[in-house]
C-alpha atoms as a PDB file:
ATOM      1  CA  MET A   1      -6.471 -35.676  12.537  1.00  0.00           C
ATOM      2  CA  LYS A   2      -5.392 -39.260  11.924  1.00  0.00           C
ATOM      3  CA  GLY A   3      -3.665 -41.613  14.313  1.00  0.00           C
ATOM      4  CA  ASN A   4      -3.419 -41.752  18.060  1.00  0.00           C
ATOM      5  CA  HIS A   5      -1.753 -39.220  20.352  1.00  0.00           C
ATOM      6  CA  ALA A   6      -1.282 -36.410  17.829  1.00  0.00           C
ATOM      7  CA  PHE A   7      -2.767 -32.989  18.353  1.00  0.00           C
ATOM      8  CA  LEU A   8      -0.102 -31.188  16.307  1.00  0.00           C
ATOM      9  CA  ARG A   9       0.934 -33.839  13.808  1.00  0.00           C
ATOM     10  CA  SER A  10      -0.573 -31.570  11.200  1.00  0.00           C
ATOM     11  CA  ILE A  11      -0.536 -27.908  12.182  1.00  0.00           C
ATOM     12  CA  ALA A  12      -3.187 -25.963  10.275  1.00  0.00           C
ATOM     13  CA  SER A  13      -1.869 -22.576   9.175  1.00  0.00           C
ATOM     14  CA  LEU A  14      -4.099 -19.539   8.943  1.00  0.00           C
ATOM     15  CA  CYS A  15      -5.327 -17.776   5.839  1.00  0.00           C
ATOM     16  CA  LEU A  16      -4.627 -14.132   6.646  1.00  0.00           C
ATOM     17  CA  ILE A  17      -5.586 -11.000   4.738  1.00  0.00           C
ATOM     18  CA  VAL A  18      -2.500  -8.852   4.205  1.00  0.00           C
ATOM     19  CA  LEU A  19      -4.257  -5.530   4.722  1.00  0.00           C
ATOM     20  CA  LEU A  20      -4.062  -5.515   8.497  1.00  0.00           C
ATOM     21  CA  GLY A  21      -3.565  -2.731  10.997  1.00  0.00           C
ATOM     22  CA  SER A  22      -0.793  -0.267  10.194  1.00  0.00           C
ATOM     23  CA  GLN A  23       0.125  -2.196   7.051  1.00  0.00           C
ATOM     24  CA  THR A  24      -3.025  -1.183   5.163  1.00  0.00           C
ATOM     25  CA  HIS A  25      -1.430   1.790   3.407  1.00  0.00           C
ATOM     26  CA  ARG A  26       1.509  -0.274   2.209  1.00  0.00           C
ATOM     27  CA  LEU A  27      -0.381  -2.381  -0.335  1.00  0.00           C
ATOM     28  CA  SER A  28      -2.428   0.437  -1.813  1.00  0.00           C
ATOM     29  CA  GLY A  29      -0.950   0.442  -5.289  1.00  0.00           C
ATOM     30  CA  GLN A  30       1.544  -0.437  -8.005  1.00  0.00           C
ATOM     31  CA  GLY A  31       0.899  -3.948  -9.337  1.00  0.00           C
ATOM     32  CA  LEU A  32      -1.669  -6.738  -9.342  1.00  0.00           C
ATOM     33  CA  GLU A  33      -1.802  -9.993 -11.295  1.00  0.00           C
ATOM     34  CA  THR A  34      -4.973 -12.094 -10.986  1.00  0.00           C
ATOM     35  CA  PHE A  35      -4.220 -14.396 -13.962  1.00  0.00           C
ATOM     36  CA  ALA A  36      -7.458 -13.264 -15.600  1.00  0.00           C
ATOM     37  CA  ASN A  37      -5.762 -13.539 -19.020  1.00  0.00           C
ATOM     38  CA  PHE A  38      -4.216 -16.965 -18.337  1.00  0.00           C
ATOM     39  CA  GLY A  39      -5.704 -19.045 -21.137  1.00  0.00           C
ATOM     40  CA  ALA A  40      -4.957 -22.647 -20.119  1.00  0.00           C
ATOM     41  CA  THR A  41      -8.037 -24.815 -19.513  1.00  0.00           C
ATOM     42  CA  GLY A  42      -8.674 -28.445 -18.657  1.00  0.00           C
ATOM     43  CA  THR A  43      -6.603 -30.884 -16.608  1.00  0.00           C
ATOM     44  CA  SER A  44      -3.583 -31.148 -18.926  1.00  0.00           C
ATOM     45  CA  TYR A  45      -0.339 -29.288 -18.145  1.00  0.00           C
ATOM     46  CA  GLN A  46       0.600 -26.801 -20.829  1.00  0.00           C
ATOM     47  CA  ASP A  47       3.273 -24.299 -21.869  1.00  0.00           C
ATOM     48  CA  GLY A  48       2.411 -20.832 -23.130  1.00  0.00           C
ATOM     49  CA  SER A  49       2.228 -17.120 -22.429  1.00  0.00           C
ATOM     50  CA  PHE A  50      -0.311 -14.366 -21.823  1.00  0.00           C
ATOM     51  CA  GLU A  51      -0.410 -10.613 -21.346  1.00  0.00           C
ATOM     52  CA  GLY A  52      -0.345  -9.771 -17.668  1.00  0.00           C
ATOM     53  CA  GLN A  53      -2.288  -6.969 -16.055  1.00  0.00           C
ATOM     54  CA  ASP A  54       1.040  -5.214 -15.504  1.00  0.00           C
ATOM     55  CA  GLY A  55       1.467  -5.079 -19.317  1.00  0.00           C
ATOM     56  CA  SER A  56       4.343  -7.557 -19.489  1.00  0.00           C
ATOM     57  CA  THR A  57       4.206 -10.995 -21.077  1.00  0.00           C
ATOM     58  CA  TRP A  58       3.991 -13.794 -18.497  1.00  0.00           C
ATOM     59  CA  THR A  59       5.371 -17.210 -19.489  1.00  0.00           C
ATOM     60  CA  TYR A  60       4.184 -20.487 -17.967  1.00  0.00           C
ATOM     61  CA  VAL A  61       5.765 -23.941 -18.187  1.00  0.00           C
ATOM     62  CA  GLN A  62       3.806 -27.137 -17.444  1.00  0.00           C
ATOM     63  CA  CYS A  63       0.903 -25.348 -15.714  1.00  0.00           C
ATOM     64  CA  ARG A  64      -2.857 -25.838 -15.779  1.00  0.00           C
ATOM     65  CA  GLY A  65      -5.835 -23.564 -15.304  1.00  0.00           C
ATOM     66  CA  ASP A  66      -8.782 -25.605 -14.047  1.00  0.00           C
ATOM     67  CA  TYR A  67      -8.566 -24.476 -10.391  1.00  0.00           C
ATOM     68  CA  THR A  68      -9.762 -21.167  -8.960  1.00  0.00           C
ATOM     69  CA  ILE A  69      -9.133 -19.070  -5.853  1.00  0.00           C
ATOM     70  CA  THR A  70     -10.769 -15.720  -6.582  1.00  0.00           C
ATOM     71  CA  GLY A  71     -11.684 -16.370 -10.175  1.00  0.00           C
ATOM     72  CA  LYS A  72      -9.098 -17.653 -12.641  1.00  0.00           C
ATOM     73  CA  ALA A  73      -5.903 -18.974 -11.034  1.00  0.00           C
ATOM     74  CA  LEU A  74      -2.749 -20.801 -12.151  1.00  0.00           C
ATOM     75  CA  MET A  75      -1.534 -24.194 -10.930  1.00  0.00           C
ATOM     76  CA  LEU A  76       2.107 -25.281 -11.003  1.00  0.00           C
ATOM     77  CA  GLY A  77       2.562 -28.941 -11.862  1.00  0.00           C
ATOM     78  CA  ARG A  78       4.476 -31.642  -9.962  1.00  0.00           C
ATOM     79  CA  ASN A  79       7.220 -33.896 -11.356  1.00  0.00           C
ATOM     80  CA  ARG A  80       7.023 -32.207 -14.743  1.00  0.00           C
ATOM     81  CA  ALA A  81       9.754 -32.096 -17.405  1.00  0.00           C
ATOM     82  CA  PRO A  82      10.894 -29.353 -17.572  1.00  0.00           C
ATOM     83  CA  GLN A  83      10.033 -28.305 -13.997  1.00  0.00           C
ATOM     84  CA  SER A  84       6.820 -26.288 -13.803  1.00  0.00           C
ATOM     85  CA  ASN A  85       7.149 -22.530 -13.242  1.00  0.00           C
ATOM     86  CA  VAL A  86       5.655 -19.177 -14.180  1.00  0.00           C
ATOM     87  CA  TYR A  87       7.433 -15.850 -14.586  1.00  0.00           C
ATOM     88  CA  SER A  88       6.573 -12.308 -15.595  1.00  0.00           C
ATOM     89  CA  GLY A  89       8.106 -10.171 -18.265  1.00  0.00           C
ATOM     90  CA  THR A  90      10.241  -7.197 -17.252  1.00  0.00           C
ATOM     91  CA  ILE A  91       8.234  -4.904 -14.963  1.00  0.00           C
ATOM     92  CA  SER A  92       9.332  -1.326 -14.296  1.00  0.00           C
ATOM     93  CA  GLY A  93       9.022   0.816 -11.178  1.00  0.00           C
ATOM     94  CA  GLY A  94      10.682  -1.458  -8.667  1.00  0.00           C
ATOM     95  CA  ILE A  95       8.995  -3.609  -6.051  1.00  0.00           C
ATOM     96  CA  GLY A  96       8.586  -3.009  -2.324  1.00  0.00           C
ATOM     97  CA  ILE A  97       6.270  -5.516  -0.630  1.00  0.00           C
ATOM     98  CA  LEU A  98       4.853  -8.605  -2.364  1.00  0.00           C
ATOM     99  CA  SER A  99       1.937 -10.839  -1.373  1.00  0.00           C
ATOM    100  CA  PHE A 100      -0.248 -13.481  -3.009  1.00  0.00           C
ATOM    101  CA  ASN A 101      -2.875 -16.136  -2.319  1.00  0.00           C
ATOM    102  CA  TYR A 102      -2.132 -19.826  -2.769  1.00  0.00           C
ATOM    103  CA  SER A 103      -3.543 -23.265  -2.018  1.00  0.00           C
ATOM    104  CA  GLN A 104      -2.416 -26.892  -1.941  1.00  0.00           C
ATOM    105  CA  ALA A 105      -4.194 -28.584  -4.852  1.00  0.00           C
ATOM    106  CA  PHE A 106      -3.725 -32.260  -3.950  1.00  0.00           C
ATOM    107  CA  ALA A 107      -2.264 -34.469  -1.195  1.00  0.00           C
ATOM    108  CA  THR A 108       1.402 -33.391  -1.493  1.00  0.00           C
ATOM    109  CA  ASN A 109       2.408 -30.360   0.585  1.00  0.00           C
ATOM    110  CA  VAL A 110       3.349 -27.013  -0.968  1.00  0.00           C
ATOM    111  CA  ASN A 111       6.977 -25.789  -0.860  1.00  0.00           C
ATOM    112  CA  LEU A 112       7.073 -22.826  -3.229  1.00  0.00           C
ATOM    113  CA  ASN A 113       9.878 -20.310  -3.822  1.00  0.00           C
ATOM    114  CA  VAL A 114       9.299 -16.733  -4.984  1.00  0.00           C
ATOM    115  CA  LEU A 115      12.098 -15.101  -6.951  1.00  0.00           C
ATOM    116  CA  VAL A 116      12.792 -11.535  -8.024  1.00  0.00           C
ATOM    117  CA  ASN A 117      15.485 -11.194 -10.694  1.00  0.00           C
ATOM    118  CA  ASP A 118      16.372 -14.864 -10.089  1.00  0.00           C
ATOM    119  CA  VAL A 119      17.016 -14.284  -6.373  1.00  0.00           C
ATOM    120  CA  VAL A 120      14.824 -16.130  -3.847  1.00  0.00           C
ATOM    121  CA  VAL A 121      12.949 -13.505  -1.800  1.00  0.00           C
ATOM    122  CA  GLY A 122      10.321 -15.694  -0.138  1.00  0.00           C
ATOM    123  CA  ASN A 123       8.997 -19.180   0.432  1.00  0.00           C
ATOM    124  CA  VAL A 124       5.540 -20.489   1.335  1.00  0.00           C
ATOM    125  CA  LYS A 125       4.495 -23.929   2.536  1.00  0.00           C
ATOM    126  CA  SER A 126       1.448 -25.953   3.488  1.00  0.00           C
ATOM    127  CA  LEU A 127       1.036 -28.962   5.753  1.00  0.00           C
ATOM    128  CA  ALA A 128      -1.813 -31.344   4.890  1.00  0.00           C
ATOM    129  CA  GLU A 129      -4.061 -28.408   3.906  1.00  0.00           C
ATOM    130  CA  GLN A 130      -5.510 -29.505   0.583  1.00  0.00           C
ATOM    131  CA  GLY A 131      -8.009 -26.963  -0.727  1.00  0.00           C
ATOM    132  CA  VAL A 132      -7.277 -24.366   1.975  1.00  0.00           C
ATOM    133  CA  THR A 133      -6.665 -20.855   0.628  1.00  0.00           C
ATOM    134  CA  LYS A 134      -3.717 -19.196   2.353  1.00  0.00           C
ATOM    135  CA  ASN A 135      -1.939 -15.869   2.022  1.00  0.00           C
ATOM    136  CA  SER A 136       1.815 -15.456   1.797  1.00  0.00           C
ATOM    137  CA  GLY A 137       1.836 -12.512   4.166  1.00  0.00           C
ATOM    138  CA  ASN A 138       4.070  -9.530   3.442  1.00  0.00           C
ATOM    139  CA  ILE A 139       7.253 -10.519   1.615  1.00  0.00           C
ATOM    140  CA  ILE A 140       9.705  -7.617   1.853  1.00  0.00           C
ATOM    141  CA  VAL A 141      11.587  -7.326  -1.442  1.00  0.00           C
ATOM    142  CA  ASN A 142      12.585  -3.648  -1.784  1.00  0.00           C
ATOM    143  CA  VAL A 143      14.284  -3.838  -5.194  1.00  0.00           C
ATOM    144  CA  GLU A 144      14.431  -0.713  -7.348  1.00  0.00           C
ATOM    145  CA  GLY A 145      14.365  -0.525 -11.140  1.00  0.00           C
ATOM    146  CA  ASP A 146      13.222  -3.239 -13.552  1.00  0.00           C
ATOM    147  CA  PHE A 147      12.410  -6.663 -12.145  1.00  0.00           C
ATOM    148  CA  VAL A 148      11.047 -10.098 -13.096  1.00  0.00           C
ATOM    149  CA  LEU A 149       8.830 -12.157 -10.803  1.00  0.00           C
ATOM    150  CA  LYS A 150       9.048 -15.952 -10.825  1.00  0.00           C
ATOM    151  CA  PHE A 151       7.268 -18.778  -8.974  1.00  0.00           C
ATOM    152  CA  ILE A 152       8.792 -22.272  -8.873  1.00  0.00           C
ATOM    153  CA  ASN A 153       8.710 -25.163  -6.398  1.00  0.00           C
ATOM    154  CA  VAL A 154      11.853 -25.817  -4.370  1.00  0.00           C
ATOM    155  CA  LEU A 155      11.905 -29.406  -5.691  1.00  0.00           C
ATOM    156  CA  ASN A 156      10.212 -30.851  -8.756  1.00  0.00           C
ATOM    157  CA  GLY A 157       8.419 -33.337  -6.492  1.00  0.00           C
ATOM    158  CA  ASP A 158       6.835 -30.684  -4.270  1.00  0.00           C
ATOM    159  CA  GLY A 159       3.059 -30.424  -4.360  1.00  0.00           C
ATOM    160  CA  GLN A 160       0.939 -28.773  -7.009  1.00  0.00           C
ATOM    161  CA  VAL A 161       0.238 -25.220  -5.870  1.00  0.00           C
ATOM    162  CA  VAL A 162      -2.488 -22.858  -7.094  1.00  0.00           C
ATOM    163  CA  ILE A 163      -1.464 -19.168  -7.223  1.00  0.00           C
ATOM    164  CA  ASP A 164      -3.671 -16.091  -7.484  1.00  0.00           C
ATOM    165  CA  ASP A 165      -3.918 -12.362  -6.655  1.00  0.00           C
ATOM    166  CA  VAL A 166      -0.225 -11.480  -6.795  1.00  0.00           C
ATOM    167  CA  ALA A 167       0.075  -7.899  -5.483  1.00  0.00           C
ATOM    168  CA  TRP A 168       3.068  -5.638  -4.965  1.00  0.00           C
ATOM    169  CA  THR A 169       3.894  -2.082  -3.987  1.00  0.00           C
ATOM    170  CA  ALA A 170       6.439   0.168  -5.626  1.00  0.00           C
ATOM    171  CA  TYR A 171       9.968   0.495  -4.324  1.00  0.00           C
ATOM    172  CA  THR A 172      10.095   3.461  -1.951  1.00  0.00           C
ATOM    173  CA  PRO A 173      13.478   4.305  -0.435  1.00  0.00           C
ATOM    174  CA  GLY A 174      13.637   5.521   3.136  1.00  0.00           C
ATOM    175  CA  ILE A 175      10.212   4.234   4.219  1.00  0.00           C
ATOM    176  CA  ASN A 176      10.160   2.035   7.290  1.00  0.00           C
ATOM    177  CA  GLN A 177       9.472  -1.603   6.488  1.00  0.00           C
ATOM    178  CA  PRO A 178       7.612  -3.969   8.846  1.00  0.00           C
ATOM    179  CA  PRO A 179       9.535  -6.892  10.353  1.00  0.00           C
ATOM    180  CA  VAL A 180      10.235  -9.971   8.244  1.00  0.00           C
ATOM    181  CA  ILE A 181       9.160 -13.293   9.789  1.00  0.00           C
ATOM    182  CA  SER A 182      10.627 -16.518   8.389  1.00  0.00           C
ATOM    183  CA  ASP A 183      11.468 -20.128   9.235  1.00  0.00           C
ATOM    184  CA  VAL A 184       8.569 -20.602  11.652  1.00  0.00           C
ATOM    185  CA  ALA A 185       8.798 -24.072  13.220  1.00  0.00           C
ATOM    186  CA  HIS A 186       7.376 -26.011  16.155  1.00  0.00           C
ATOM    187  CA  SER A 187       9.179 -28.513  18.382  1.00  0.00           C
ATOM    188  CA  PRO A 188       8.810 -31.402  18.644  1.00  0.00           C
ATOM    189  CA  GLU A 189       7.736 -31.840  15.022  1.00  0.00           C
ATOM    190  CA  SER A 190       6.198 -35.282  15.584  1.00  0.00           C
ATOM    191  CA  GLY A 191       5.473 -37.825  18.272  1.00  0.00           C
ATOM    192  CA  ILE A 192       3.300 -35.318  20.127  1.00  0.00           C
ATOM    193  CA  THR A 193       0.962 -36.826  22.703  1.00  0.00           C
ATOM    194  CA  SER A 194      -1.692 -35.489  25.057  1.00  0.00           C
ATOM    195  CA  SER A 195       1.048 -34.793  27.605  1.00  0.00           C
ATOM    196  CA  THR A 196       3.444 -32.932  25.280  1.00  0.00           C
ATOM    197  CA  GLY A 197       3.913 -29.166  25.307  1.00  0.00           C
ATOM    198  CA  VAL A 198       5.053 -27.551  22.055  1.00  0.00           C
ATOM    199  CA  SER A 199       7.484 -24.661  21.589  1.00  0.00           C
ATOM    200  CA  VAL A 200       7.606 -22.412  18.519  1.00  0.00           C
ATOM    201  CA  SER A 201      10.595 -20.606  17.010  1.00  0.00           C
ATOM    202  CA  ALA A 202      11.065 -18.117  14.172  1.00  0.00           C
ATOM    203  CA  GLN A 203      13.582 -15.809  12.590  1.00  0.00           C
ATOM    204  CA  VAL A 204      12.591 -12.131  12.750  1.00  0.00           C
ATOM    205  CA  SER A 205      14.510  -9.252  11.189  1.00  0.00           C
ATOM    206  CA  ASP A 206      13.844  -5.558  10.617  1.00  0.00           C
ATOM    207  CA  ASP A 207      15.430  -2.633   8.786  1.00  0.00           C
ATOM    208  CA  ASN A 208      15.780  -0.876  12.144  1.00  0.00           C
ATOM    209  CA  ALA A 209      14.973  -2.714  15.387  1.00  0.00           C
ATOM    210  CA  VAL A 210      12.484  -5.353  16.510  1.00  0.00           C
ATOM    211  CA  SER A 211      10.592  -4.219  19.610  1.00  0.00           C
ATOM    212  CA  GLN A 212       8.522  -7.302  20.416  1.00  0.00           C
ATOM    213  CA  VAL A 213       7.688 -10.797  19.121  1.00  0.00           C
ATOM    214  CA  GLN A 214       4.776 -12.898  20.355  1.00  0.00           C
ATOM    215  CA  LEU A 215       3.110 -16.187  19.540  1.00  0.00           C
ATOM    216  CA  PHE A 216      -0.691 -16.264  19.379  1.00  0.00           C
ATOM    217  CA  TRP A 217      -2.421 -19.639  19.572  1.00  0.00           C
ATOM    218  CA  ALA A 218      -5.990 -20.924  19.819  1.00  0.00           C
ATOM    219  CA  LEU A 219      -8.158 -23.966  19.176  1.00  0.00           C
ATOM    220  CA  THR A 220      -9.973 -22.162  16.341  1.00  0.00           C
ATOM    221  CA  SER A 221      -8.608 -20.230  13.361  1.00  0.00           C
ATOM    222  CA  ASP A 222      -9.552 -16.946  15.070  1.00  0.00           C
ATOM    223  CA  VAL A 223      -6.069 -16.657  16.553  1.00  0.00           C
ATOM    224  CA  TYR A 224      -5.245 -12.962  16.245  1.00  0.00           C
ATOM    225  CA  PRO A 225      -5.846 -10.814  18.197  1.00  0.00           C
ATOM    226  CA  GLY A 226      -8.112 -12.883  20.453  1.00  0.00           C
ATOM    227  CA  GLY A 227      -5.892 -15.929  20.977  1.00  0.00           C
ATOM    228  CA  ASN A 228      -3.556 -16.815  23.805  1.00  0.00           C
ATOM    229  CA  ALA A 229      -0.300 -14.808  23.705  1.00  0.00           C
ATOM    230  CA  ILE A 230       3.162 -16.123  24.593  1.00  0.00           C
ATOM    231  CA  THR A 231       6.216 -13.851  24.551  1.00  0.00           C
ATOM    232  CA  MET A 232       9.085 -14.929  22.296  1.00  0.00           C
ATOM    233  CA  THR A 233      12.666 -14.083  23.272  1.00  0.00           C
ATOM    234  CA  GLU A 234      15.665 -13.759  20.947  1.00  0.00           C
ATOM    235  CA  SER A 235      18.837 -15.789  21.286  1.00  0.00           C
ATOM    236  CA  GLY A 236      21.393 -16.182  18.521  1.00  0.00           C
ATOM    237  CA  GLY A 237      19.069 -14.577  15.984  1.00  0.00           C
ATOM    238  CA  ILE A 238      16.178 -16.986  16.709  1.00  0.00           C
ATOM    239  CA  TYR A 239      13.049 -16.031  18.661  1.00  0.00           C
ATOM    240  CA  THR A 240      11.607 -18.867  20.777  1.00  0.00           C
ATOM    241  CA  THR A 241       8.521 -19.004  22.973  1.00  0.00           C
ATOM    242  CA  ASP A 242       9.218 -18.379  26.665  1.00  0.00           C
ATOM    243  CA  SER A 243       6.748 -21.139  27.512  1.00  0.00           C
ATOM    244  CA  ASP A 244       5.182 -23.997  25.564  1.00  0.00           C
ATOM    245  CA  ILE A 245       1.773 -24.227  24.002  1.00  0.00           C
ATOM    246  CA  PRO A 246       0.142 -26.432  26.675  1.00  0.00           C
ATOM    247  CA  ALA A 247      -0.536 -30.098  25.973  1.00  0.00           C
ATOM    248  CA  GLN A 248      -3.979 -30.759  24.505  1.00  0.00           C
ATOM    249  CA  ALA A 249      -6.322 -33.736  24.319  1.00  0.00           C
ATOM    250  CA  ASP A 250      -5.799 -36.272  21.565  1.00  0.00           C
ATOM    251  CA  GLY A 251      -7.324 -35.199  18.270  1.00  0.00           C
ATOM    252  CA  THR A 252      -7.131 -31.462  19.005  1.00  0.00           C
ATOM    253  CA  THR A 253      -5.985 -29.091  16.237  1.00  0.00           C
ATOM    254  CA  VAL A 254      -3.960 -26.102  17.422  1.00  0.00           C
ATOM    255  CA  TYR A 255      -3.700 -22.959  15.276  1.00  0.00           C
ATOM    256  CA  TYR A 256      -0.872 -20.459  15.790  1.00  0.00           C
ATOM    257  CA  LEU A 257       0.879 -17.491  14.240  1.00  0.00           C
ATOM    258  CA  VAL A 258       3.828 -15.241  15.055  1.00  0.00           C
ATOM    259  CA  TYR A 259       3.374 -11.485  15.606  1.00  0.00           C
ATOM    260  CA  ALA A 260       6.384  -9.148  15.268  1.00  0.00           C
ATOM    261  CA  GLU A 261       6.469  -5.379  15.800  1.00  0.00           C
ATOM    262  CA  ASP A 262       9.302  -2.925  15.142  1.00  0.00           C
ATOM    263  CA  ASP A 263      10.374   0.220  16.959  1.00  0.00           C
ATOM    264  CA  GLU A 264       8.160   2.395  14.742  1.00  0.00           C
ATOM    265  CA  GLY A 265       4.974   0.435  15.469  1.00  0.00           C
ATOM    266  CA  ASP A 266       4.735  -1.417  12.137  1.00  0.00           C
ATOM    267  CA  PHE A 267       3.961  -5.112  12.526  1.00  0.00           C
ATOM    268  CA  SER A 268       3.817  -8.354  10.571  1.00  0.00           C
ATOM    269  CA  LEU A 269       1.931 -11.624  11.032  1.00  0.00           C
ATOM    270  CA  SER A 270       3.083 -15.013   9.850  1.00  0.00           C
ATOM    271  CA  SER A 271       0.698 -17.448   8.189  1.00  0.00           C
END
């Protein structure tokens, strides 16, 4: 942590395994892309294609292949012309829940969009976490029929991001989906001193009803389930902590995540 009076100037997100609790059965099958057939090597950004493990032809634009997460991985470039991206061929069977691993390759933060059939279905970020492997968490898509997956940064100047282990379930109508957690933010965002408490907010939605939302925080990355819990209450569609994360000594890193559970007992965790 650099600078004086900043324990949350750079919040470190958690790398979470998606197969947690009652969600384990949900990611048991359908599709997996590990980029094992991605042929780019070296530090130059290249265009090309390869046969994906789903059987479709994946196309990459201005990407490189010299970084790994769990074996071969794919890196999207920054400030490339045309803008760096990677997309699958047409995949059949529909898509239910999507997840993947990613990491910030260099100093610029990640701000990556995930699209299905050219519609943004998810977004992942990093904050000064170069080299840290993170997981997207469950991204609820629930699109039936043929689909195309695409990964592209929100802006061409967003940071180089390494992607690996893209997994998805099949579309299954009528099955309860866990809550969707998005737009997690802390306030204040900067200027935090050793006397400043910090609140956290998030959007949470569900296909039926949300039963509870909590924030878990700790001074180590072992936040859930052993961290400190703070109830989050909804107002105007936004859930906000009922009390602040207490002020901490200068130089302290605070880890946190949001837990949401629906009325059928399925739950989700944010990064």
